[in-house]
Amino acid sequence: MGGKKRPTISQLEKRWRKELESKLRKRGEEEGRFELQLTKEGRVSQASVDAVSREVVKWPYVTPYQVSSRFGVKISTAKRILKRLEEQGVLKLVDANRRVRIYVPAARAT
């Protein structure tokens, strides 16, 4: 008899606060995310590479995973972008193994 118990006021406030925080967090993540443009051949455009280079020089170190998650591209695309930035002299390779390469901005490499 009776049915389901109703939540207390404090429980309602907690639920409302959590929903509000999650909405704000999602909005912040969406604003901080960039979308890279691809050419018709599926390559990353030079404008996108320039946008990545402006952003990664602020980071203490750079890995393909960081670029992939920040800019919403595949890991293989992130590796190609980082290799291109290394060739341009924006990044310097610090350590590499079979799986991952770690770069630092050339200005910090000294």
C-alpha atoms as a PDB file:
ATOM      1  CA  MET A   1       0.000   0.000   0.000  1.00  0.00           C
ATOM      2  CA  GLY A   2       0.944   3.577  -0.356  1.00  0.00           C
ATOM      3  CA  GLY A   3       3.317   3.535  -3.302  1.00  0.00           C
ATOM      4  CA  LYS A   4       6.836   4.820  -3.684  1.00  0.00           C
ATOM      5  CA  LYS A   5       8.302   7.083  -1.011  1.00  0.00           C
ATOM      6  CA  ARG A   6       8.888  10.658  -2.118  1.00  0.00           C
ATOM      7  CA  PRO A   7      12.406  12.118  -1.813  1.00  0.00           C
ATOM      8  CA  THR A   8      13.124  14.581   0.954  1.00  0.00           C
ATOM      9  CA  ILE A   9      13.826  18.230   0.213  1.00  0.00           C
ATOM     10  CA  SER A  10      17.560  17.797   0.815  1.00  0.00           C
ATOM     11  CA  GLN A  11      17.643  14.849  -1.607  1.00  0.00           C
ATOM     12  CA  LEU A  12      15.876  16.936  -4.240  1.00  0.00           C
ATOM     13  CA  GLU A  13      18.358  19.766  -3.713  1.00  0.00           C
ATOM     14  CA  LYS A  14      21.323  17.380  -4.080  1.00  0.00           C
ATOM     15  CA  ARG A  15      19.913  15.904  -7.289  1.00  0.00           C
ATOM     16  CA  TRP A  16      19.209  19.362  -8.722  1.00  0.00           C
ATOM     17  CA  ARG A  17      22.733  20.579  -7.811  1.00  0.00           C
ATOM     18  CA  LYS A  18      24.389  17.530  -9.428  1.00  0.00           C
ATOM     19  CA  GLU A  19      22.404  17.981 -12.640  1.00  0.00           C
ATOM     20  CA  LEU A  20      23.324  21.660 -12.794  1.00  0.00           C
ATOM     21  CA  GLU A  21      27.031  20.925 -12.222  1.00  0.00           C
ATOM     22  CA  SER A  22      27.066  18.236 -14.907  1.00  0.00           C
ATOM     23  CA  LYS A  23      25.418  20.597 -17.407  1.00  0.00           C
ATOM     24  CA  LEU A  24      27.992  23.299 -16.652  1.00  0.00           C
ATOM     25  CA  ARG A  25      30.841  20.799 -16.935  1.00  0.00           C
ATOM     26  CA  LYS A  26      29.582  19.526 -20.300  1.00  0.00           C
ATOM     27  CA  ARG A  27      29.188  23.074 -21.594  1.00  0.00           C
ATOM     28  CA  GLY A  28      32.754  23.906 -20.527  1.00  0.00           C
ATOM     29  CA  GLU A  29      34.116  20.814 -22.277  1.00  0.00           C
ATOM     30  CA  GLU A  30      32.260  21.660 -25.472  1.00  0.00           C
ATOM     31  CA  GLU A  31      33.568  25.226 -25.501  1.00  0.00           C
ATOM     32  CA  GLY A  32      37.169  24.086 -25.003  1.00  0.00           C
ATOM     33  CA  ARG A  33      37.054  21.564 -27.804  1.00  0.00           C
ATOM     34  CA  PHE A  34      38.235  22.376 -31.312  1.00  0.00           C
ATOM     35  CA  GLU A  35      37.120  20.728 -34.513  1.00  0.00           C
ATOM     36  CA  LEU A  36      39.885  20.186 -37.018  1.00  0.00           C
ATOM     37  CA  GLN A  37      39.129  20.542 -40.692  1.00  0.00           C
ATOM     38  CA  LEU A  38      40.062  17.810 -43.131  1.00  0.00           C
ATOM     39  CA  THR A  39      40.752  18.222 -46.820  1.00  0.00           C
ATOM     40  CA  LYS A  40      38.914  16.175 -49.440  1.00  0.00           C
ATOM     41  CA  GLU A  41      41.714  13.599 -49.357  1.00  0.00           C
ATOM     42  CA  GLY A  42      41.223  13.132 -45.616  1.00  0.00           C
ATOM     43  CA  ARG A  43      44.334  15.041 -44.588  1.00  0.00           C
ATOM     44  CA  VAL A  44      44.433  17.734 -41.945  1.00  0.00           C
ATOM     45  CA  SER A  45      44.446  21.241 -43.401  1.00  0.00           C
ATOM     46  CA  GLN A  46      47.319  23.623 -42.730  1.00  0.00           C
ATOM     47  CA  ALA A  47      44.965  25.990 -40.899  1.00  0.00           C
ATOM     48  CA  SER A  48      44.111  23.191 -38.476  1.00  0.00           C
ATOM     49  CA  VAL A  49      47.783  22.372 -37.950  1.00  0.00           C
ATOM     50  CA  ASP A  50      48.416  26.043 -37.187  1.00  0.00           C
ATOM     51  CA  ALA A  51      45.577  26.013 -34.636  1.00  0.00           C
ATOM     52  CA  VAL A  52      47.078  22.934 -32.984  1.00  0.00           C
ATOM     53  CA  SER A  53      50.537  24.505 -32.911  1.00  0.00           C
ATOM     54  CA  ARG A  54      49.199  27.651 -31.228  1.00  0.00           C
ATOM     55  CA  GLU A  55      47.617  25.504 -28.544  1.00  0.00           C
ATOM     56  CA  VAL A  56      50.342  22.900 -27.885  1.00  0.00           C
ATOM     57  CA  VAL A  57      53.141  25.416 -27.331  1.00  0.00           C
ATOM     58  CA  LYS A  58      51.374  26.310 -24.072  1.00  0.00           C
ATOM     59  CA  TRP A  59      51.532  22.726 -22.777  1.00  0.00           C
ATOM     60  CA  PRO A  60      54.520  21.433 -20.771  1.00  0.00           C
ATOM     61  CA  TYR A  61      54.646  18.247 -22.875  1.00  0.00           C
ATOM     62  CA  VAL A  62      52.628  16.827 -25.750  1.00  0.00           C
ATOM     63  CA  THR A  63      51.548  13.274 -26.560  1.00  0.00           C
ATOM     64  CA  PRO A  64      49.336  11.972 -29.354  1.00  0.00           C
ATOM     65  CA  TYR A  65      46.649  11.065 -26.817  1.00  0.00           C
ATOM     66  CA  GLN A  66      46.477  14.648 -25.529  1.00  0.00           C
ATOM     67  CA  VAL A  67      46.069  16.032 -29.047  1.00  0.00           C
ATOM     68  CA  SER A  68      43.521  13.363 -29.920  1.00  0.00           C
ATOM     69  CA  SER A  69      41.323  13.985 -26.899  1.00  0.00           C
ATOM     70  CA  ARG A  70      41.615  17.785 -27.018  1.00  0.00           C
ATOM     71  CA  PHE A  71      40.916  18.220 -30.737  1.00  0.00           C
ATOM     72  CA  GLY A  72      38.650  15.227 -31.360  1.00  0.00           C
ATOM     73  CA  VAL A  73      40.765  13.396 -33.947  1.00  0.00           C
ATOM     74  CA  LYS A  74      42.023   9.838 -34.231  1.00  0.00           C
ATOM     75  CA  ILE A  75      45.318   8.928 -32.577  1.00  0.00           C
ATOM     76  CA  SER A  76      46.888   8.207 -35.977  1.00  0.00           C
ATOM     77  CA  THR A  77      45.922  11.684 -37.194  1.00  0.00           C
ATOM     78  CA  ALA A  78      47.338  13.204 -34.017  1.00  0.00           C
ATOM     79  CA  LYS A  79      50.623  11.363 -34.630  1.00  0.00           C
ATOM     80  CA  ARG A  80      50.812  12.782 -38.160  1.00  0.00           C
ATOM     81  CA  ILE A  81      50.105  16.300 -36.888  1.00  0.00           C
ATOM     82  CA  LEU A  82      52.815  16.026 -34.239  1.00  0.00           C
ATOM     83  CA  LYS A  83      55.318  14.684 -36.747  1.00  0.00           C
ATOM     84  CA  ARG A  84      54.538  17.622 -39.044  1.00  0.00           C
ATOM     85  CA  LEU A  85      54.980  20.090 -36.172  1.00  0.00           C
ATOM     86  CA  GLU A  86      58.313  18.477 -35.326  1.00  0.00           C
ATOM     87  CA  GLU A  87      59.466  18.915 -38.935  1.00  0.00           C
ATOM     88  CA  GLN A  88      58.445  22.585 -38.767  1.00  0.00           C
ATOM     89  CA  GLY A  89      60.482  23.060 -35.580  1.00  0.00           C
ATOM     90  CA  VAL A  90      57.542  23.865 -33.322  1.00  0.00           C
ATOM     91  CA  LEU A  91      58.014  20.716 -31.221  1.00  0.00           C
ATOM     92  CA  LYS A  92      61.059  18.710 -30.215  1.00  0.00           C
ATOM     93  CA  LEU A  93      61.012  14.940 -29.697  1.00  0.00           C
ATOM     94  CA  VAL A  94      62.147  14.090 -26.170  1.00  0.00           C
ATOM     95  CA  ASP A  95      61.436  10.391 -25.847  1.00  0.00           C
ATOM     96  CA  ALA A  96      60.021   7.718 -28.101  1.00  0.00           C
ATOM     97  CA  ASN A  97      59.317   4.033 -27.999  1.00  0.00           C
ATOM     98  CA  ARG A  98      57.307   1.636 -30.112  1.00  0.00           C
ATOM     99  CA  ARG A  99      53.947   2.985 -28.948  1.00  0.00           C
ATOM    100  CA  VAL A 100      54.185   6.637 -27.986  1.00  0.00           C
ATOM    101  CA  ARG A 101      56.300   9.688 -28.703  1.00  0.00           C
ATOM    102  CA  ILE A 102      56.650  12.496 -26.185  1.00  0.00           C
ATOM    103  CA  TYR A 103      57.283  16.007 -27.430  1.00  0.00           C
ATOM    104  CA  VAL A 104      58.002  19.328 -25.757  1.00  0.00           C
ATOM    105  CA  PRO A 105      57.619  22.773 -27.289  1.00  0.00           C
ATOM    106  CA  ALA A 106      60.885  23.852 -28.908  1.00  0.00           C
ATOM    107  CA  ALA A 107      61.017  26.988 -26.754  1.00  0.00           C
ATOM    108  CA  ARG A 108      61.029  24.869 -23.569  1.00  0.00           C
ATOM    109  CA  ALA A 109      63.510  22.306 -24.889  1.00  0.00           C
ATOM    110  CA  THR A 110      66.548  24.417 -24.046  1.00  0.00           C
END
